[in-house]
Amino acid sequence: METLQKTALFWDVDLKELNAQKNEKFVVERILAFGDTDDVRWASEQYGKEKLKQYALESNKLNPKSQFFWCQYFNLSQIECTKKQSQKKLSPFWTN
């Protein structure tokens, strides 16, 4: 089955409307998070390994386990893979 037709990857979108070019980031993030080896191979051919690596580093959609896997896969250092936590404003309720 073609990657863009897999409901296991794209359960929440209309597959007829999904476009590999227009929705590149969305498609790659879903493949990195939930795809199998065939999906990753397809994405590598479609977008190139450098693009996959870039999305693996930048994505805030990947869970820590997936993030760690892709960092190991692309042989990236721990510093490169550590996500910067956003500084959230604390609610006045929680201040001393």
C-alpha atoms as a PDB file:
ATOM      1  CA  MET A   1       0.000   0.000   0.000  1.00  0.00           C
ATOM      2  CA  GLU A   2       1.250   3.457  -0.859  1.00  0.00           C
ATOM      3  CA  THR A   3       2.303   5.502   2.152  1.00  0.00           C
ATOM      4  CA  LEU A   4      -0.067   8.408   1.513  1.00  0.00           C
ATOM      5  CA  GLN A   5      -3.044   6.018   1.448  1.00  0.00           C
ATOM      6  CA  LYS A   6      -2.441   4.480   4.877  1.00  0.00           C
ATOM      7  CA  THR A   7      -5.229   5.253   7.287  1.00  0.00           C
ATOM      8  CA  ALA A   8      -2.989   4.050  10.137  1.00  0.00           C
ATOM      9  CA  LEU A   9      -0.761   7.087   9.474  1.00  0.00           C
ATOM     10  CA  PHE A  10      -3.348   9.639   8.431  1.00  0.00           C
ATOM     11  CA  TRP A  11      -6.438   8.650  10.394  1.00  0.00           C
ATOM     12  CA  ASP A  12      -7.612  12.196  10.938  1.00  0.00           C
ATOM     13  CA  VAL A  13      -7.418  13.643   7.428  1.00  0.00           C
ATOM     14  CA  ASP A  14      -9.163  13.137   4.113  1.00  0.00           C
ATOM     15  CA  LEU A  15      -6.670  11.035   2.148  1.00  0.00           C
ATOM     16  CA  LYS A  16      -7.950  12.488  -1.126  1.00  0.00           C
ATOM     17  CA  GLU A  17      -6.893  15.956   0.026  1.00  0.00           C
ATOM     18  CA  LEU A  18      -3.448  14.923   1.304  1.00  0.00           C
ATOM     19  CA  ASN A  19      -0.676  16.299  -0.898  1.00  0.00           C
ATOM     20  CA  ALA A  20       2.945  15.119  -0.521  1.00  0.00           C
ATOM     21  CA  GLN A  21       4.355  18.530  -1.475  1.00  0.00           C
ATOM     22  CA  LYS A  22       1.908  20.936   0.153  1.00  0.00           C
ATOM     23  CA  ASN A  23       1.705  18.925   3.382  1.00  0.00           C
ATOM     24  CA  GLU A  24       5.370  17.898   3.510  1.00  0.00           C
ATOM     25  CA  LYS A  25       6.019  18.665   7.182  1.00  0.00           C
ATOM     26  CA  PHE A  26       2.804  16.978   8.320  1.00  0.00           C
ATOM     27  CA  VAL A  27       3.510  13.871   6.226  1.00  0.00           C
ATOM     28  CA  VAL A  28       7.119  13.543   7.401  1.00  0.00           C
ATOM     29  CA  GLU A  29       6.228  14.050  11.061  1.00  0.00           C
ATOM     30  CA  ARG A  30       3.565  11.344  10.858  1.00  0.00           C
ATOM     31  CA  ILE A  31       5.992   8.951   9.180  1.00  0.00           C
ATOM     32  CA  LEU A  32       8.683   9.648  11.772  1.00  0.00           C
ATOM     33  CA  ALA A  33       6.193   9.116  14.588  1.00  0.00           C
ATOM     34  CA  PHE A  34       4.147   6.172  13.308  1.00  0.00           C
ATOM     35  CA  GLY A  35       5.586   4.897  10.031  1.00  0.00           C
ATOM     36  CA  ASP A  36       7.183   1.556   9.234  1.00  0.00           C
ATOM     37  CA  THR A  37      10.366   0.884   7.258  1.00  0.00           C
ATOM     38  CA  ASP A  38       8.547   1.099   3.922  1.00  0.00           C
ATOM     39  CA  ASP A  39       7.157   4.508   4.862  1.00  0.00           C
ATOM     40  CA  VAL A  40      10.583   5.789   5.903  1.00  0.00           C
ATOM     41  CA  ARG A  41      12.090   4.493   2.664  1.00  0.00           C
ATOM     42  CA  TRP A  42       9.349   6.238   0.691  1.00  0.00           C
ATOM     43  CA  ALA A  43       9.931   9.513   2.593  1.00  0.00           C
ATOM     44  CA  SER A  44      13.696   9.264   2.017  1.00  0.00           C
ATOM     45  CA  GLU A  45      13.138   8.875  -1.704  1.00  0.00           C
ATOM     46  CA  GLN A  46      10.505  11.609  -1.786  1.00  0.00           C
ATOM     47  CA  TYR A  47      12.181  14.252   0.387  1.00  0.00           C
ATOM     48  CA  GLY A  48      15.759  13.100   0.994  1.00  0.00           C
ATOM     49  CA  LYS A  49      17.459  12.023   4.216  1.00  0.00           C
ATOM     50  CA  GLU A  50      18.583  15.546   5.093  1.00  0.00           C
ATOM     51  CA  LYS A  51      14.974  16.742   5.130  1.00  0.00           C
ATOM     52  CA  LEU A  52      13.967  13.826   7.371  1.00  0.00           C
ATOM     53  CA  LYS A  53      16.834  14.640   9.700  1.00  0.00           C
ATOM     54  CA  GLN A  54      15.812  18.301   9.790  1.00  0.00           C
ATOM     55  CA  TYR A  55      12.211  17.437  10.688  1.00  0.00           C
ATOM     56  CA  ALA A  56      13.350  14.925  13.315  1.00  0.00           C
ATOM     57  CA  LEU A  57      15.323  17.701  15.012  1.00  0.00           C
ATOM     58  CA  GLU A  58      12.723  20.455  14.676  1.00  0.00           C
ATOM     59  CA  SER A  59       9.489  18.590  15.262  1.00  0.00           C
ATOM     60  CA  ASN A  60       7.561  19.138  18.442  1.00  0.00           C
ATOM     61  CA  LYS A  61       5.142  16.379  17.446  1.00  0.00           C
ATOM     62  CA  LEU A  62       7.472  13.459  18.189  1.00  0.00           C
ATOM     63  CA  ASN A  63       7.346  11.782  21.556  1.00  0.00           C
ATOM     64  CA  PRO A  64      10.662  11.463  23.439  1.00  0.00           C
ATOM     65  CA  LYS A  65      11.082   7.805  22.452  1.00  0.00           C
ATOM     66  CA  SER A  66      10.710   8.550  18.742  1.00  0.00           C
ATOM     67  CA  GLN A  67      12.931  11.631  19.061  1.00  0.00           C
ATOM     68  CA  PHE A  68      15.658   9.522  20.684  1.00  0.00           C
ATOM     69  CA  PHE A  69      15.352   6.830  18.010  1.00  0.00           C
ATOM     70  CA  TRP A  70      15.761   9.293  15.136  1.00  0.00           C
ATOM     71  CA  CYS A  71      18.685  10.988  16.843  1.00  0.00           C
ATOM     72  CA  GLN A  72      20.394   7.610  17.057  1.00  0.00           C
ATOM     73  CA  TYR A  73      19.407   6.722  13.495  1.00  0.00           C
ATOM     74  CA  PHE A  74      20.891   9.932  12.106  1.00  0.00           C
ATOM     75  CA  ASN A  75      23.886   9.703  14.466  1.00  0.00           C
ATOM     76  CA  LEU A  76      23.216  13.093  16.047  1.00  0.00           C
ATOM     77  CA  SER A  77      24.745  14.295  19.285  1.00  0.00           C
ATOM     78  CA  GLN A  78      22.688  14.537  22.455  1.00  0.00           C
ATOM     79  CA  ILE A  79      23.073  18.319  22.449  1.00  0.00           C
ATOM     80  CA  GLU A  80      21.561  18.555  18.957  1.00  0.00           C
ATOM     81  CA  CYS A  81      18.652  16.369  19.986  1.00  0.00           C
ATOM     82  CA  THR A  82      17.770  17.994  23.264  1.00  0.00           C
ATOM     83  CA  LYS A  83      14.696  20.069  22.763  1.00  0.00           C
ATOM     84  CA  LYS A  84      14.692  23.501  24.275  1.00  0.00           C
ATOM     85  CA  GLN A  85      11.803  23.831  26.634  1.00  0.00           C
ATOM     86  CA  SER A  86       9.700  26.860  26.064  1.00  0.00           C
ATOM     87  CA  GLN A  87       9.573  29.267  28.900  1.00  0.00           C
ATOM     88  CA  LYS A  88       5.988  29.449  29.950  1.00  0.00           C
ATOM     89  CA  LYS A  89       4.591  32.219  32.011  1.00  0.00           C
ATOM     90  CA  LEU A  90       3.411  30.982  35.338  1.00  0.00           C
ATOM     91  CA  SER A  91      -0.113  31.708  36.316  1.00  0.00           C
ATOM     92  CA  PRO A  92      -0.396  34.344  39.055  1.00  0.00           C
ATOM     93  CA  PHE A  93      -2.163  31.671  41.075  1.00  0.00           C
ATOM     94  CA  TRP A  94       1.129  29.759  41.444  1.00  0.00           C
ATOM     95  CA  THR A  95       3.392  32.680  42.351  1.00  0.00           C
ATOM     96  CA  ASN A  96       4.600  33.201  45.900  1.00  0.00           C
END
